[in-house]
Amino acid sequence: MNSAMVIKTIIAVVFMVLTGGAAVVIARRSGKTLSSAFLIGLTVGTAALGGVTPILFG
């Protein structure tokens, strides 16, 4: 695995974590429980990963 692939993978994971974390914060501020906020964050983070992966690796 070359260094460009490692950097792209790190970028994708960081993007997923940041968008998922932002969704958790927004969900908590809108009054959701902690467990439902984490579920929302996981869903948004996975969708973000699915959206950015073809751009980086396509």
N, C-alpha and C. Protein backbone atom coordinates (compact mmCIF):
# COMPACT_ATOMS: atom_id res chain seq x y z
N MET A 1 0.86 -1.19 0.00
CA MET A 1 0.00 0.00 0.00
C MET A 1 0.90 1.24 0.00
N ASN A 2 0.69 2.08 -0.98
CA ASN A 2 1.55 3.26 -1.08
C ASN A 2 1.07 4.40 -0.18
N SER A 3 1.89 5.41 -0.07
CA SER A 3 1.58 6.50 0.87
C SER A 3 0.38 7.32 0.43
N ALA A 4 0.13 7.42 -0.86
CA ALA A 4 -1.05 8.17 -1.32
C ALA A 4 -2.34 7.50 -0.89
N MET A 5 -2.36 6.17 -0.94
CA MET A 5 -3.55 5.43 -0.52
C MET A 5 -3.77 5.58 0.99
N VAL A 6 -2.70 5.57 1.75
CA VAL A 6 -2.82 5.74 3.21
C VAL A 6 -3.35 7.13 3.54
N ILE A 7 -2.87 8.14 2.86
CA ILE A 7 -3.32 9.51 3.10
C ILE A 7 -4.79 9.66 2.72
N LYS A 8 -5.20 9.08 1.61
CA LYS A 8 -6.61 9.14 1.20
C LYS A 8 -7.51 8.43 2.20
N THR A 9 -7.05 7.31 2.73
CA THR A 9 -7.83 6.58 3.73
C THR A 9 -7.97 7.39 5.01
N ILE A 10 -6.90 8.02 5.43
CA ILE A 10 -6.94 8.87 6.63
C ILE A 10 -7.89 10.04 6.43
N ILE A 11 -7.86 10.66 5.26
CA ILE A 11 -8.76 11.77 4.96
C ILE A 11 -10.22 11.31 5.02
N ALA A 12 -10.52 10.14 4.46
CA ALA A 12 -11.88 9.62 4.46
C ALA A 12 -12.37 9.34 5.87
N VAL A 13 -11.53 8.74 6.71
CA VAL A 13 -11.92 8.42 8.08
C VAL A 13 -12.10 9.68 8.91
N VAL A 14 -11.22 10.65 8.76
CA VAL A 14 -11.35 11.91 9.49
C VAL A 14 -12.61 12.65 9.08
N PHE A 15 -12.92 12.64 7.79
CA PHE A 15 -14.15 13.28 7.31
C PHE A 15 -15.38 12.61 7.90
N MET A 16 -15.36 11.28 7.97
CA MET A 16 -16.47 10.54 8.54
C MET A 16 -16.65 10.88 10.02
N VAL A 17 -15.56 10.91 10.77
CA VAL A 17 -15.64 11.20 12.21
C VAL A 17 -16.12 12.62 12.46
N LEU A 18 -15.63 13.58 11.69
CA LEU A 18 -16.03 14.98 11.90
C LEU A 18 -17.50 15.21 11.56
N THR A 19 -17.96 14.65 10.46
CA THR A 19 -19.37 14.85 10.11
C THR A 19 -20.29 14.11 11.07
N GLY A 20 -19.89 12.91 11.49
CA GLY A 20 -20.69 12.18 12.47
C GLY A 20 -20.73 12.89 13.81
N GLY A 21 -19.59 13.43 14.23
CA GLY A 21 -19.55 14.19 15.49
C GLY A 21 -20.38 15.45 15.44
N ALA A 22 -20.34 16.13 14.31
CA ALA A 22 -21.17 17.33 14.17
C ALA A 22 -22.65 16.98 14.22
N ALA A 23 -23.02 15.85 13.63
CA ALA A 23 -24.42 15.42 13.68
C ALA A 23 -24.85 15.08 15.10
N VAL A 24 -23.95 14.50 15.88
CA VAL A 24 -24.27 14.20 17.28
C VAL A 24 -24.50 15.48 18.06
N VAL A 25 -23.65 16.47 17.87
CA VAL A 25 -23.80 17.75 18.57
C VAL A 25 -25.12 18.41 18.19
N ILE A 26 -25.44 18.43 16.91
CA ILE A 26 -26.69 19.05 16.47
C ILE A 26 -27.90 18.29 17.02
N ALA A 27 -27.82 16.97 17.02
CA ALA A 27 -28.93 16.18 17.55
C ALA A 27 -29.12 16.41 19.05
N ARG A 28 -28.03 16.49 19.78
CA ARG A 28 -28.15 16.72 21.22
C ARG A 28 -28.73 18.11 21.51
N ARG A 29 -28.33 19.08 20.74
CA ARG A 29 -28.86 20.45 20.95
C ARG A 29 -30.32 20.57 20.57
N SER A 30 -30.79 19.66 19.73
CA SER A 30 -32.21 19.71 19.35
C SER A 30 -33.07 18.86 20.27
N GLY A 31 -32.48 18.30 21.32
CA GLY A 31 -33.27 17.62 22.33
C GLY A 31 -33.34 16.11 22.23
N LYS A 32 -32.54 15.50 21.38
CA LYS A 32 -32.55 14.04 21.26
C LYS A 32 -31.81 13.42 22.45
N THR A 33 -32.16 12.17 22.77
CA THR A 33 -31.42 11.47 23.82
C THR A 33 -30.03 11.12 23.31
N LEU A 34 -29.15 10.74 24.23
CA LEU A 34 -27.77 10.46 23.85
C LEU A 34 -27.67 9.26 22.91
N SER A 35 -28.45 8.22 23.18
CA SER A 35 -28.37 7.04 22.32
C SER A 35 -28.90 7.33 20.91
N SER A 36 -29.97 8.08 20.81
CA SER A 36 -30.47 8.40 19.48
C SER A 36 -29.53 9.38 18.76
N ALA A 37 -28.88 10.26 19.51
CA ALA A 37 -27.91 11.17 18.89
C ALA A 37 -26.72 10.40 18.33
N PHE A 38 -26.26 9.36 19.07
CA PHE A 38 -25.17 8.54 18.56
C PHE A 38 -25.59 7.76 17.31
N LEU A 39 -26.82 7.30 17.29
CA LEU A 39 -27.32 6.59 16.11
C LEU A 39 -27.38 7.53 14.91
N ILE A 40 -27.81 8.75 15.14
CA ILE A 40 -27.84 9.74 14.06
C ILE A 40 -26.43 10.03 13.58
N GLY A 41 -25.50 10.19 14.51
CA GLY A 41 -24.11 10.45 14.14
C GLY A 41 -23.49 9.31 13.35
N LEU A 42 -23.80 8.08 13.75
CA LEU A 42 -23.29 6.92 13.02
C LEU A 42 -23.86 6.87 11.61
N THR A 43 -25.14 7.17 11.47
CA THR A 43 -25.78 7.16 10.16
C THR A 43 -25.20 8.24 9.25
N VAL A 44 -25.06 9.44 9.79
CA VAL A 44 -24.53 10.54 8.98
C VAL A 44 -23.06 10.30 8.63
N GLY A 45 -22.30 9.79 9.58
CA GLY A 45 -20.89 9.49 9.31
C GLY A 45 -20.71 8.43 8.24
N THR A 46 -21.54 7.40 8.28
CA THR A 46 -21.48 6.35 7.26
C THR A 46 -21.89 6.89 5.89
N ALA A 47 -22.90 7.72 5.87
CA ALA A 47 -23.32 8.33 4.60
C ALA A 47 -22.22 9.24 4.05
N ALA A 48 -21.55 9.97 4.93
CA ALA A 48 -20.46 10.84 4.48
C ALA A 48 -19.31 10.01 3.93
N LEU A 49 -19.02 8.89 4.58
CA LEU A 49 -17.96 8.02 4.08
C LEU A 49 -18.33 7.45 2.71
N GLY A 50 -19.58 7.07 2.55
CA GLY A 50 -20.03 6.58 1.26
C GLY A 50 -20.02 7.64 0.17
N GLY A 51 -20.17 8.90 0.57
CA GLY A 51 -20.14 9.97 -0.41
C GLY A 51 -18.75 10.41 -0.81
N VAL A 52 -17.81 10.35 0.13
CA VAL A 52 -16.47 10.85 -0.16
C VAL A 52 -15.55 9.76 -0.74
N THR A 53 -15.88 8.50 -0.52
CA THR A 53 -15.02 7.42 -1.01
C THR A 53 -14.90 7.38 -2.53
N PRO A 54 -15.99 7.51 -3.29
CA PRO A 54 -15.81 7.51 -4.76
C PRO A 54 -15.01 8.72 -5.26
N ILE A 55 -15.08 9.81 -4.55
CA ILE A 55 -14.33 11.00 -4.97
C ILE A 55 -12.84 10.77 -4.77
N LEU A 56 -12.48 10.18 -3.62
CA LEU A 56 -11.07 9.99 -3.33
C LEU A 56 -10.46 8.82 -4.10
N PHE A 57 -11.21 7.72 -4.22
CA PHE A 57 -10.64 6.51 -4.78
C PHE A 57 -11.12 6.20 -6.19
N GLY A 58 -11.94 7.07 -6.75
CA GLY A 58 -12.48 6.81 -8.08
C GLY A 58 -11.56 7.19 -9.20
